[in-house]
């Protein structure tokens, strides 16, 4: 089996307040983004967002919770989520609300 290029990104690290976080610039040939969420807060909302051009507004996109296969544009629990990167140029995991705790969000891109 051939090795496939992999990239890692830390979208949020111990975030305790609303934050846009880091932005993933999607490379040509990247196809899947796996997102690992660790949430210690009592109430957090993480938004999956993307854009296809740097001059356009961010829009909500769907992610699949790989534990139960629910599809949503937001997450508020620990888990691994997956996003199809086809046609996207930029992706972020924005924290819009958080209470009493922190959230860490890591991503792994596979071509």
Protein backbone atom coordinates (compact mmCIF):
# COMPACT_ATOMS: atom_id res chain seq x y z
CA UNK A 1 0.00 0.00 0.00
CA UNK A 2 1.54 3.36 -0.99
CA UNK A 3 2.10 6.05 1.61
CA UNK A 4 -0.28 8.98 1.33
CA UNK A 5 0.80 12.51 2.29
CA UNK A 6 -0.53 13.63 5.65
CA UNK A 7 -0.72 17.11 7.15
CA UNK A 8 -1.57 18.01 10.76
CA UNK A 9 -3.11 21.24 12.06
CA UNK A 10 -4.07 22.47 15.52
CA UNK A 11 -7.28 24.47 14.94
CA UNK A 12 -7.82 25.30 18.64
CA UNK A 13 -5.61 24.67 21.68
CA UNK A 14 -7.07 24.88 25.19
CA UNK A 15 -9.42 27.59 23.94
CA UNK A 16 -11.49 29.21 26.73
CA UNK A 17 -13.26 31.99 24.79
CA UNK A 18 -14.88 32.36 21.34
CA UNK A 19 -12.16 32.14 18.69
CA UNK A 20 -11.81 31.76 14.92
CA UNK A 21 -8.77 29.55 15.48
CA UNK A 22 -6.26 28.49 12.85
CA UNK A 23 -7.17 28.22 9.16
CA UNK A 24 -6.33 25.20 7.05
CA UNK A 25 -5.29 26.09 3.51
CA UNK A 26 -6.36 23.07 1.47
CA UNK A 27 -3.73 21.73 -0.94
CA UNK A 28 -4.59 20.34 -4.35
CA UNK A 29 -5.16 16.64 -3.98
CA UNK A 30 -6.24 16.79 -0.33
CA UNK A 31 -9.44 14.82 0.02
CA UNK A 32 -10.36 14.19 3.66
CA UNK A 33 -9.99 16.10 6.93
CA UNK A 34 -10.31 14.13 10.17
CA UNK A 35 -10.97 16.32 13.22
CA UNK A 36 -10.35 15.23 16.83
CA UNK A 37 -12.23 17.24 19.47
CA UNK A 38 -11.39 17.23 23.19
CA UNK A 39 -13.89 19.33 25.15
CA UNK A 40 -13.79 19.88 28.93
CA UNK A 41 -16.32 22.73 28.94
CA UNK A 42 -19.89 22.44 30.16
CA UNK A 43 -21.19 24.14 27.04
CA UNK A 44 -19.21 24.71 23.84
CA UNK A 45 -20.23 25.20 20.23
CA UNK A 46 -17.70 24.40 17.52
CA UNK A 47 -18.64 25.45 13.97
CA UNK A 48 -17.26 23.73 10.88
CA UNK A 49 -16.74 26.43 8.23
CA UNK A 50 -15.13 26.73 4.81
CA UNK A 51 -14.72 28.96 1.80
CA UNK A 52 -13.72 28.33 -1.78
CA UNK A 53 -11.96 31.66 -2.31
CA UNK A 54 -10.14 33.93 0.14
CA UNK A 55 -12.40 36.85 -0.85
CA UNK A 56 -15.66 35.06 0.00
CA UNK A 57 -17.51 34.77 3.31
CA UNK A 58 -17.15 31.73 5.55
CA UNK A 59 -20.05 29.28 5.25
CA UNK A 60 -21.07 26.40 7.50
CA UNK A 61 -20.25 22.93 6.15
CA UNK A 62 -21.25 19.45 7.23
CA UNK A 63 -19.02 17.10 9.18
CA UNK A 64 -19.74 13.46 9.95
CA UNK A 65 -19.41 12.27 13.55
CA UNK A 66 -17.56 8.97 13.06
CA UNK A 67 -18.97 7.54 16.30
CA UNK A 68 -22.64 7.63 15.33
CA UNK A 69 -22.56 8.93 11.71
CA UNK A 70 -24.63 12.02 12.58
CA UNK A 71 -24.09 14.87 10.13
CA UNK A 72 -23.97 18.44 11.43
CA UNK A 73 -22.40 21.87 10.89
CA UNK A 74 -21.57 22.07 14.62
CA UNK A 75 -20.17 19.89 17.41
CA UNK A 76 -20.23 20.14 21.20
CA UNK A 77 -18.88 16.76 22.33
CA UNK A 78 -15.61 14.85 22.19
CA UNK A 79 -15.13 12.73 19.14
CA UNK A 80 -13.68 12.32 15.70
CA UNK A 81 -15.42 14.07 12.83
CA UNK A 82 -14.74 13.94 9.10
CA UNK A 83 -15.06 16.54 6.32
CA UNK A 84 -14.84 16.00 2.57
CA UNK A 85 -12.42 18.65 1.24
CA UNK A 86 -13.46 18.39 -2.42
CA UNK A 87 -13.64 21.88 -3.92
CA UNK A 88 -12.75 23.72 -0.71
CA UNK A 89 -9.85 26.18 -0.37
CA UNK A 90 -9.94 27.01 3.35
CA UNK A 91 -11.39 25.32 6.44
CA UNK A 92 -11.64 26.44 10.05
CA UNK A 93 -13.20 25.13 13.26
CA UNK A 94 -14.58 28.25 14.96
CA UNK A 95 -15.57 28.29 18.63
CA UNK A 96 -18.64 30.53 18.86
CA UNK A 97 -19.56 29.79 22.49
CA UNK A 98 -17.82 28.18 25.46
CA UNK A 99 -18.48 27.99 29.21
CA UNK A 100 -16.42 26.65 32.13
CA UNK A 101 -13.58 24.72 30.53
CA UNK A 102 -11.62 24.52 27.31
CA UNK A 103 -11.64 22.89 23.91
CA UNK A 104 -8.80 21.53 21.79
CA UNK A 105 -9.31 20.70 18.12
CA UNK A 106 -6.73 18.90 15.99
CA UNK A 107 -6.97 18.05 12.33
CA UNK A 108 -5.34 15.48 10.06
CA UNK A 109 -5.51 15.87 6.28
CA UNK A 110 -5.14 12.86 4.01
CA UNK A 111 -4.70 13.03 0.26
